[in-house]
Amino acid sequence: MVRLRTGRPGLIPTPEEAEAYDFSAPEREFVDSWLGNVVHGTPDEVRSGLDDLQKRSGADELMITANAHGGDARLRSYELIADAYGLPTTP
């Protein structure tokens, strides 16, 4: 999100690249505020966090994006969320 916000869109960095990045003060402020509605953790923690977000916001629906490095990790994230809610997944 920082790259996009600062006009440098591109691929999601690897975990190593993200960990090594030295955020400026404005970038850190942006990240901290953006993370306020980010839910992550185990499948049960994510389900609980999404349920809390829905209750807090009063939203009729939530749009979920998995900002993971690599398609396999992203797909697995969606599968875990679907499993946590008892939804079908594609084979």
PDB file of N, CA and C in Angstrom:
ATOM      1  N   MET A   1       0.821  -1.196   0.000  1.00  0.00           N
ATOM      2  CA  MET A   1       0.000   0.000   0.000  1.00  0.00           C
ATOM      3  C   MET A   1       0.865   1.261   0.000  1.00  0.00           C
ATOM      4  N   VAL A   2       1.996   1.200   0.675  1.00  0.00           N
ATOM      5  CA  VAL A   2       2.888   2.363   0.688  1.00  0.00           C
ATOM      6  C   VAL A   2       3.384   2.652  -0.719  1.00  0.00           C
ATOM      7  N   ARG A   3       3.768   1.614  -1.441  1.00  0.00           N
ATOM      8  CA  ARG A   3       4.244   1.820  -2.811  1.00  0.00           C
ATOM      9  C   ARG A   3       3.153   2.455  -3.664  1.00  0.00           C
ATOM     10  N   LEU A   4       1.950   1.958  -3.551  1.00  0.00           N
ATOM     11  CA  LEU A   4       0.835   2.490  -4.333  1.00  0.00           C
ATOM     12  C   LEU A   4       0.560   3.937  -3.933  1.00  0.00           C
ATOM     13  N   ARG A   5       0.537   4.199  -2.660  1.00  0.00           N
ATOM     14  CA  ARG A   5       0.242   5.544  -2.145  1.00  0.00           C
ATOM     15  C   ARG A   5       1.294   6.569  -2.569  1.00  0.00           C
ATOM     16  N   THR A   6       2.533   6.112  -2.745  1.00  0.00           N
ATOM     17  CA  THR A   6       3.617   7.026  -3.100  1.00  0.00           C
ATOM     18  C   THR A   6       3.939   6.998  -4.595  1.00  0.00           C
ATOM     19  N   GLY A   7       3.005   6.449  -5.395  1.00  0.00           N
ATOM     20  CA  GLY A   7       3.177   6.476  -6.840  1.00  0.00           C
ATOM     21  C   GLY A   7       4.183   5.480  -7.380  1.00  0.00           C
ATOM     22  N   ARG A   8       4.427   4.413  -6.610  1.00  0.00           N
ATOM     23  CA  ARG A   8       5.363   3.386  -7.049  1.00  0.00           C
ATOM     24  C   ARG A   8       4.690   2.023  -7.039  1.00  0.00           C
ATOM     25  N   PRO A   9       3.597   1.844  -7.804  1.00  0.00           N
ATOM     26  CA  PRO A   9       2.896   0.561  -7.768  1.00  0.00           C
ATOM     27  C   PRO A   9       3.793  -0.565  -8.273  1.00  0.00           C
ATOM     28  N   GLY A  10       3.481  -1.741  -7.854  1.00  0.00           N
ATOM     29  CA  GLY A  10       4.257  -2.896  -8.293  1.00  0.00           C
ATOM     30  C   GLY A  10       3.811  -4.140  -7.547  1.00  0.00           C
ATOM     31  N   LEU A  11       4.594  -5.165  -7.681  1.00  0.00           N
ATOM     32  CA  LEU A  11       4.294  -6.425  -7.021  1.00  0.00           C
ATOM     33  C   LEU A  11       4.436  -6.295  -5.512  1.00  0.00           C
ATOM     34  N   ILE A  12       3.740  -7.133  -4.799  1.00  0.00           N
ATOM     35  CA  ILE A  12       3.881  -7.170  -3.349  1.00  0.00           C
ATOM     36  C   ILE A  12       5.295  -7.648  -3.040  1.00  0.00           C
ATOM     37  N   PRO A  13       5.995  -6.963  -2.164  1.00  0.00           N
ATOM     38  CA  PRO A  13       7.369  -7.371  -1.873  1.00  0.00           C
ATOM     39  C   PRO A  13       7.421  -8.711  -1.151  1.00  0.00           C
ATOM     40  N   THR A  14       8.567  -9.347  -1.237  1.00  0.00           N
ATOM     41  CA  THR A  14       8.750 -10.583  -0.474  1.00  0.00           C
ATOM     42  C   THR A  14       8.735 -10.220   1.012  1.00  0.00           C
ATOM     43  N   PRO A  15       8.482 -11.186   1.871  1.00  0.00           N
ATOM     44  CA  PRO A  15       8.545 -10.893   3.310  1.00  0.00           C
ATOM     45  C   PRO A  15       9.897 -10.306   3.723  1.00  0.00           C
ATOM     46  N   GLU A  16      10.965 -10.778   3.107  1.00  0.00           N
ATOM     47  CA  GLU A  16      12.302 -10.270   3.438  1.00  0.00           C
ATOM     48  C   GLU A  16      12.462  -8.807   3.011  1.00  0.00           C
ATOM     49  N   GLU A  17      11.967  -8.467   1.820  1.00  0.00           N
ATOM     50  CA  GLU A  17      12.030  -7.082   1.356  1.00  0.00           C
ATOM     51  C   GLU A  17      11.212  -6.166   2.261  1.00  0.00           C
ATOM     52  N   ALA A  18      10.017  -6.620   2.625  1.00  0.00           N
ATOM     53  CA  ALA A  18       9.148  -5.805   3.474  1.00  0.00           C
ATOM     54  C   ALA A  18       9.777  -5.590   4.849  1.00  0.00           C
ATOM     55  N   GLU A  19      10.370  -6.632   5.401  1.00  0.00           N
ATOM     56  CA  GLU A  19      10.985  -6.523   6.722  1.00  0.00           C
ATOM     57  C   GLU A  19      12.196  -5.579   6.702  1.00  0.00           C
ATOM     58  N   ALA A  20      12.934  -5.575   5.604  1.00  0.00           N
ATOM     59  CA  ALA A  20      14.141  -4.764   5.508  1.00  0.00           C
ATOM     60  C   ALA A  20      13.859  -3.307   5.155  1.00  0.00           C
ATOM     61  N   TYR A  21      12.642  -2.977   4.720  1.00  0.00           N
ATOM     62  CA  TYR A  21      12.328  -1.630   4.262  1.00  0.00           C
ATOM     63  C   TYR A  21      12.376  -0.636   5.418  1.00  0.00           C
ATOM     64  N   ASP A  22      13.023   0.501   5.197  1.00  0.00           N
ATOM     65  CA  ASP A  22      13.132   1.555   6.193  1.00  0.00           C
ATOM     66  C   ASP A  22      12.063   2.617   5.911  1.00  0.00           C
ATOM     67  N   PHE A  23      10.962   2.569   6.647  1.00  0.00           N
ATOM     68  CA  PHE A  23       9.850   3.481   6.436  1.00  0.00           C
ATOM     69  C   PHE A  23      10.206   4.889   6.904  1.00  0.00           C
ATOM     70  N   SER A  24       9.804   5.878   6.109  1.00  0.00           N
ATOM     71  CA  SER A  24       9.906   7.267   6.563  1.00  0.00           C
ATOM     72  C   SER A  24       8.791   7.501   7.596  1.00  0.00           C
ATOM     73  N   ALA A  25       8.870   8.604   8.319  1.00  0.00           N
ATOM     74  CA  ALA A  25       7.841   8.912   9.320  1.00  0.00           C
ATOM     75  C   ALA A  25       6.441   9.002   8.703  1.00  0.00           C
ATOM     76  N   PRO A  26       6.263   9.720   7.565  1.00  0.00           N
ATOM     77  CA  PRO A  26       4.921   9.759   6.965  1.00  0.00           C
ATOM     78  C   PRO A  26       4.450   8.381   6.478  1.00  0.00           C
ATOM     79  N   GLU A  27       5.367   7.583   5.953  1.00  0.00           N
ATOM     80  CA  GLU A  27       4.988   6.235   5.523  1.00  0.00           C
ATOM     81  C   GLU A  27       4.554   5.396   6.722  1.00  0.00           C
ATOM     82  N   ARG A  28       5.265   5.467   7.823  1.00  0.00           N
ATOM     83  CA  ARG A  28       4.923   4.717   9.034  1.00  0.00           C
ATOM     84  C   ARG A  28       3.560   5.150   9.551  1.00  0.00           C
ATOM     85  N   GLU A  29       3.289   6.453   9.529  1.00  0.00           N
ATOM     86  CA  GLU A  29       1.982   6.965   9.972  1.00  0.00           C
ATOM     87  C   GLU A  29       0.863   6.405   9.093  1.00  0.00           C
ATOM     88  N   PHE A  30       1.098   6.408   7.779  1.00  0.00           N
ATOM     89  CA  PHE A  30       0.104   5.856   6.852  1.00  0.00           C
ATOM     90  C   PHE A  30      -0.133   4.382   7.132  1.00  0.00           C
ATOM     91  N   VAL A  31       0.935   3.619   7.283  1.00  0.00           N
ATOM     92  CA  VAL A  31       0.812   2.179   7.531  1.00  0.00           C
ATOM     93  C   VAL A  31       0.064   1.925   8.830  1.00  0.00           C
ATOM     94  N   ASP A  32       0.417   2.633   9.874  1.00  0.00           N
ATOM     95  CA  ASP A  32      -0.248   2.440  11.159  1.00  0.00           C
ATOM     96  C   ASP A  32      -1.750   2.710  11.068  1.00  0.00           C
ATOM     97  N   SER A  33      -2.139   3.769  10.345  1.00  0.00           N
ATOM     98  CA  SER A  33      -3.567   4.072  10.211  1.00  0.00           C
ATOM     99  C   SER A  33      -4.259   3.045   9.312  1.00  0.00           C
ATOM    100  N   TRP A  34      -3.593   2.617   8.263  1.00  0.00           N
ATOM    101  CA  TRP A  34      -4.179   1.641   7.336  1.00  0.00           C
ATOM    102  C   TRP A  34      -4.382   0.289   8.014  1.00  0.00           C
ATOM    103  N   LEU A  35      -3.478  -0.084   8.907  1.00  0.00           N
ATOM    104  CA  LEU A  35      -3.569  -1.371   9.583  1.00  0.00           C
ATOM    105  C   LEU A  35      -4.719  -1.449  10.582  1.00  0.00           C
ATOM    106  N   GLY A  36      -5.370  -0.325  10.851  1.00  0.00           N
ATOM    107  CA  GLY A  36      -6.483  -0.318  11.790  1.00  0.00           C
ATOM    108  C   GLY A  36      -7.619  -1.249  11.402  1.00  0.00           C
ATOM    109  N   ASN A  37      -7.808  -1.501  10.129  1.00  0.00           N
ATOM    110  CA  ASN A  37      -8.875  -2.390   9.667  1.00  0.00           C
ATOM    111  C   ASN A  37      -8.335  -3.653   9.004  1.00  0.00           C
ATOM    112  N   VAL A  38      -7.066  -3.942   9.227  1.00  0.00           N
ATOM    113  CA  VAL A  38      -6.473  -5.161   8.680  1.00  0.00           C
ATOM    114  C   VAL A  38      -6.638  -6.278   9.698  1.00  0.00           C
ATOM    115  N   VAL A  39      -7.060  -7.425   9.212  1.00  0.00           N
ATOM    116  CA  VAL A  39      -7.252  -8.587  10.073  1.00  0.00           C
ATOM    117  C   VAL A  39      -6.287  -9.667   9.619  1.00  0.00           C
ATOM    118  N   HIS A  40      -5.555 -10.239  10.549  1.00  0.00           N
ATOM    119  CA  HIS A  40      -4.631 -11.321  10.212  1.00  0.00           C
ATOM    120  C   HIS A  40      -4.479 -12.248  11.406  1.00  0.00           C
ATOM    121  N   GLY A  41      -3.982 -13.435  11.153  1.00  0.00           N
ATOM    122  CA  GLY A  41      -3.759 -14.399  12.226  1.00  0.00           C
ATOM    123  C   GLY A  41      -4.191 -15.788  11.807  1.00  0.00           C
ATOM    124  N   THR A  42      -4.525 -16.599  12.791  1.00  0.00           N
ATOM    125  CA  THR A  42      -5.011 -17.953  12.535  1.00  0.00           C
ATOM    126  C   THR A  42      -6.410 -17.862  11.923  1.00  0.00           C
ATOM    127  N   PRO A  43      -6.903 -18.950  11.331  1.00  0.00           N
ATOM    128  CA  PRO A  43      -8.267 -18.893  10.790  1.00  0.00           C
ATOM    129  C   PRO A  43      -9.311 -18.437  11.816  1.00  0.00           C
ATOM    130  N   ASP A  44      -9.212 -18.919  13.048  1.00  0.00           N
ATOM    131  CA  ASP A  44     -10.177 -18.504  14.073  1.00  0.00           C
ATOM    132  C   ASP A  44     -10.018 -17.025  14.426  1.00  0.00           C
ATOM    133  N   GLU A  45      -8.769 -16.533  14.496  1.00  0.00           N
ATOM    134  CA  GLU A  45      -8.535 -15.116  14.782  1.00  0.00           C
ATOM    135  C   GLU A  45      -9.059 -14.238  13.652  1.00  0.00           C
ATOM    136  N   VAL A  46      -8.886 -14.690  12.420  1.00  0.00           N
ATOM    137  CA  VAL A  46      -9.370 -13.919  11.272  1.00  0.00           C
ATOM    138  C   VAL A  46     -10.892 -13.881  11.265  1.00  0.00           C
ATOM    139  N   ARG A  47     -11.516 -15.020  11.517  1.00  0.00           N
ATOM    140  CA  ARG A  47     -12.984 -15.036  11.552  1.00  0.00           C
ATOM    141  C   ARG A  47     -13.494 -14.089  12.632  1.00  0.00           C
ATOM    142  N   SER A  48     -12.913 -14.156  13.814  1.00  0.00           N
ATOM    143  CA  SER A  48     -13.321 -13.280  14.909  1.00  0.00           C
ATOM    144  C   SER A  48     -13.084 -11.810  14.547  1.00  0.00           C
ATOM    145  N   GLY A  49     -11.932 -11.518  13.945  1.00  0.00           N
ATOM    146  CA  GLY A  49     -11.620 -10.148  13.546  1.00  0.00           C
ATOM    147  C   GLY A  49     -12.558  -9.621  12.481  1.00  0.00           C
ATOM    148  N   LEU A  50     -12.904 -10.473  11.508  1.00  0.00           N
ATOM    149  CA  LEU A  50     -13.844 -10.061  10.465  1.00  0.00           C
ATOM    150  C   LEU A  50     -15.238  -9.842  11.049  1.00  0.00           C
ATOM    151  N   ASP A  51     -15.642 -10.716  11.957  1.00  0.00           N
ATOM    152  CA  ASP A  51     -16.944 -10.541  12.608  1.00  0.00           C
ATOM    153  C   ASP A  51     -16.978  -9.235  13.400  1.00  0.00           C
ATOM    154  N   ASP A  52     -15.898  -8.945  14.120  1.00  0.00           N
ATOM    155  CA  ASP A  52     -15.820  -7.690  14.879  1.00  0.00           C
ATOM    156  C   ASP A  52     -15.849  -6.475  13.953  1.00  0.00           C
ATOM    157  N   LEU A  53     -15.108  -6.553  12.840  1.00  0.00           N
ATOM    158  CA  LEU A  53     -15.092  -5.457  11.872  1.00  0.00           C
ATOM    159  C   LEU A  53     -16.486  -5.209  11.311  1.00  0.00           C
ATOM    160  N   GLN A  54     -17.204  -6.274  11.004  1.00  0.00           N
ATOM    161  CA  GLN A  54     -18.567  -6.134  10.480  1.00  0.00           C
ATOM    162  C   GLN A  54     -19.476  -5.474  11.506  1.00  0.00           C
ATOM    163  N   LYS A  55     -19.377  -5.912  12.752  1.00  0.00           N
ATOM    164  CA  LYS A  55     -20.210  -5.327  13.802  1.00  0.00           C
ATOM    165  C   LYS A  55     -19.865  -3.854  14.032  1.00  0.00           C
ATOM    166  N   ARG A  56     -18.577  -3.544  14.065  1.00  0.00           N
ATOM    167  CA  ARG A  56     -18.109  -2.168  14.281  1.00  0.00           C
ATOM    168  C   ARG A  56     -18.559  -1.233  13.169  1.00  0.00           C
ATOM    169  N   SER A  57     -18.497  -1.727  11.935  1.00  0.00           N
ATOM    170  CA  SER A  57     -18.793  -0.873  10.787  1.00  0.00           C
ATOM    171  C   SER A  57     -20.265  -0.906  10.388  1.00  0.00           C
ATOM    172  N   GLY A  58     -20.979  -1.950  10.785  1.00  0.00           N
ATOM    173  CA  GLY A  58     -22.364  -2.105  10.367  1.00  0.00           C
ATOM    174  C   GLY A  58     -22.495  -2.467   8.898  1.00  0.00           C
ATOM    175  N   ALA A  59     -21.429  -2.937   8.300  1.00  0.00           N
ATOM    176  CA  ALA A  59     -21.429  -3.267   6.866  1.00  0.00           C
ATOM    177  C   ALA A  59     -22.333  -4.460   6.569  1.00  0.00           C
ATOM    178  N   ASP A  60     -22.957  -4.410   5.394  1.00  0.00           N
ATOM    179  CA  ASP A  60     -23.767  -5.537   4.924  1.00  0.00           C
ATOM    180  C   ASP A  60     -22.890  -6.650   4.375  1.00  0.00           C
ATOM    181  N   GLU A  61     -21.702  -6.279   3.926  1.00  0.00           N
ATOM    182  CA  GLU A  61     -20.766  -7.255   3.383  1.00  0.00           C
ATOM    183  C   GLU A  61     -19.348  -6.725   3.553  1.00  0.00           C
ATOM    184  N   LEU A  62     -18.394  -7.633   3.526  1.00  0.00           N
ATOM    185  CA  LEU A  62     -16.991  -7.259   3.605  1.00  0.00           C
ATOM    186  C   LEU A  62     -16.292  -7.729   2.341  1.00  0.00           C
ATOM    187  N   MET A  63     -15.415  -6.896   1.837  1.00  0.00           N
ATOM    188  CA  MET A  63     -14.579  -7.286   0.700  1.00  0.00           C
ATOM    189  C   MET A  63     -13.229  -7.690   1.271  1.00  0.00           C
ATOM    190  N   ILE A  64     -12.785  -8.877   0.920  1.00  0.00           N
ATOM    191  CA  ILE A  64     -11.550  -9.408   1.483  1.00  0.00           C
ATOM    192  C   ILE A  64     -10.475  -9.431   0.410  1.00  0.00           C
ATOM    193  N   THR A  65      -9.314  -8.905   0.755  1.00  0.00           N
ATOM    194  CA  THR A  65      -8.153  -9.025  -0.113  1.00  0.00           C
ATOM    195  C   THR A  65      -7.037  -9.656   0.700  1.00  0.00           C
ATOM    196  N   ALA A  66      -6.309 -10.538   0.080  1.00  0.00           N
ATOM    197  CA  ALA A  66      -5.184 -11.192   0.742  1.00  0.00           C
ATOM    198  C   ALA A  66      -3.905 -10.636   0.131  1.00  0.00           C
ATOM    199  N   ASN A  67      -3.249  -9.765   0.861  1.00  0.00           N
ATOM    200  CA  ASN A  67      -2.002  -9.167   0.388  1.00  0.00           C
ATOM    201  C   ASN A  67      -0.844 -10.071   0.769  1.00  0.00           C
ATOM    202  N   ALA A  68      -0.750 -11.172   0.068  1.00  0.00           N
ATOM    203  CA  ALA A  68       0.312 -12.142   0.325  1.00  0.00           C
ATOM    204  C   ALA A  68       1.237 -12.191  -0.876  1.00  0.00           C
ATOM    205  N   HIS A  69       2.490 -12.480  -0.615  1.00  0.00           N
ATOM    206  CA  HIS A  69       3.471 -12.573  -1.696  1.00  0.00           C
ATOM    207  C   HIS A  69       3.319 -13.930  -2.371  1.00  0.00           C
ATOM    208  N   GLY A  70       2.807 -13.914  -3.587  1.00  0.00           N
ATOM    209  CA  GLY A  70       2.666 -15.147  -4.364  1.00  0.00           C
ATOM    210  C   GLY A  70       1.234 -15.640  -4.414  1.00  0.00           C
ATOM    211  N   GLY A  71       0.875 -16.140  -5.566  1.00  0.00           N
ATOM    212  CA  GLY A  71      -0.488 -16.598  -5.792  1.00  0.00           C
ATOM    213  C   GLY A  71      -0.900 -17.769  -4.926  1.00  0.00           C
ATOM    214  N   ASP A  72       0.007 -18.701  -4.682  1.00  0.00           N
ATOM    215  CA  ASP A  72      -0.336 -19.862  -3.860  1.00  0.00           C
ATOM    216  C   ASP A  72      -0.693 -19.446  -2.432  1.00  0.00           C
ATOM    217  N   ALA A  73       0.078 -18.534  -1.869  1.00  0.00           N
ATOM    218  CA  ALA A  73      -0.188 -18.054  -0.508  1.00  0.00           C
ATOM    219  C   ALA A  73      -1.512 -17.290  -0.457  1.00  0.00           C
ATOM    220  N   ARG A  74      -1.777 -16.506  -1.481  1.00  0.00           N
ATOM    221  CA  ARG A  74      -3.031 -15.744  -1.545  1.00  0.00           C
ATOM    222  C   ARG A  74      -4.223 -16.692  -1.623  1.00  0.00           C
ATOM    223  N   LEU A  75      -4.138 -17.683  -2.500  1.00  0.00           N
ATOM    224  CA  LEU A  75      -5.222 -18.659  -2.645  1.00  0.00           C
ATOM    225  C   LEU A  75      -5.442 -19.414  -1.345  1.00  0.00           C
ATOM    226  N   ARG A  76      -4.361 -19.813  -0.689  1.00  0.00           N
ATOM    227  CA  ARG A  76      -4.479 -20.539   0.583  1.00  0.00           C
ATOM    228  C   ARG A  76      -5.166 -19.669   1.630  1.00  0.00           C
ATOM    229  N   SER A  77      -4.881 -18.377   1.649  1.00  0.00           N
ATOM    230  CA  SER A  77      -5.539 -17.470   2.594  1.00  0.00           C
ATOM    231  C   SER A  77      -7.049 -17.474   2.388  1.00  0.00           C
ATOM    232  N   TYR A  78      -7.457 -17.392   1.132  1.00  0.00           N
ATOM    233  CA  TYR A  78      -8.894 -17.417   0.831  1.00  0.00           C
ATOM    234  C   TYR A  78      -9.518 -18.750   1.217  1.00  0.00           C
ATOM    235  N   GLU A  79      -8.811 -19.837   0.990  1.00  0.00           N
ATOM    236  CA  GLU A  79      -9.325 -21.166   1.367  1.00  0.00           C
ATOM    237  C   GLU A  79      -9.508 -21.265   2.883  1.00  0.00           C
ATOM    238  N   LEU A  80      -8.555 -20.760   3.630  1.00  0.00           N
ATOM    239  CA  LEU A  80      -8.650 -20.813   5.088  1.00  0.00           C
ATOM    240  C   LEU A  80      -9.823 -19.974   5.604  1.00  0.00           C
ATOM    241  N   ILE A  81     -10.044 -18.815   4.992  1.00  0.00           N
ATOM    242  CA  ILE A  81     -11.193 -17.992   5.391  1.00  0.00           C
ATOM    243  C   ILE A  81     -12.497 -18.702   5.051  1.00  0.00           C
ATOM    244  N   ALA A  82     -12.572 -19.270   3.856  1.00  0.00           N
ATOM    245  CA  ALA A  82     -13.780 -20.012   3.465  1.00  0.00           C
ATOM    246  C   ALA A  82     -14.030 -21.163   4.435  1.00  0.00           C
ATOM    247  N   ASP A  83     -12.986 -21.902   4.780  1.00  0.00           N
ATOM    248  CA  ASP A  83     -13.129 -23.010   5.738  1.00  0.00           C
ATOM    249  C   ASP A  83     -13.618 -22.510   7.096  1.00  0.00           C
ATOM    250  N   ALA A  84     -13.097 -21.367   7.548  1.00  0.00           N
ATOM    251  CA  ALA A  84     -13.482 -20.822   8.852  1.00  0.00           C
ATOM    252  C   ALA A  84     -14.967 -20.468   8.901  1.00  0.00           C
ATOM    253  N   TYR A  85     -15.522 -20.128   7.736  1.00  0.00           N
ATOM    254  CA  TYR A  85     -16.951 -19.787   7.662  1.00  0.00           C
ATOM    255  C   TYR A  85     -17.806 -20.940   7.137  1.00  0.00           C
ATOM    256  N   GLY A  86     -17.197 -22.096   6.897  1.00  0.00           N
ATOM    257  CA  GLY A  86     -17.951 -23.246   6.405  1.00  0.00           C
ATOM    258  C   GLY A  86     -18.416 -23.080   4.985  1.00  0.00           C
ATOM    259  N   LEU A  87     -17.677 -22.304   4.184  1.00  0.00           N
ATOM    260  CA  LEU A  87     -18.029 -22.067   2.777  1.00  0.00           C
ATOM    261  C   LEU A  87     -17.297 -23.059   1.890  1.00  0.00           C
ATOM    262  N   PRO A  88     -17.862 -23.375   0.747  1.00  0.00           N
ATOM    263  CA  PRO A  88     -17.176 -24.311  -0.169  1.00  0.00           C
ATOM    264  C   PRO A  88     -15.944 -23.665  -0.796  1.00  0.00           C
ATOM    265  N   THR A  89     -14.974 -24.480  -1.098  1.00  0.00           N
ATOM    266  CA  THR A  89     -13.786 -24.023  -1.817  1.00  0.00           C
ATOM    267  C   THR A  89     -13.681 -24.815  -3.108  1.00  0.00           C
ATOM    268  N   THR A  90     -12.936 -24.269  -4.042  1.00  0.00           N
ATOM    269  CA  THR A  90     -12.754 -24.970  -5.312  1.00  0.00           C
ATOM    270  C   THR A  90     -11.700 -26.056  -5.132  1.00  0.00           C
ATOM    271  N   PRO A  91     -11.881 -27.163  -5.828  1.00  0.00           N
ATOM    272  CA  PRO A  91     -10.920 -28.273  -5.685  1.00  0.00           C
ATOM    273  C   PRO A  91      -9.579 -27.955  -6.314  1.00  0.00           C
TER     274      PRO A  91
END
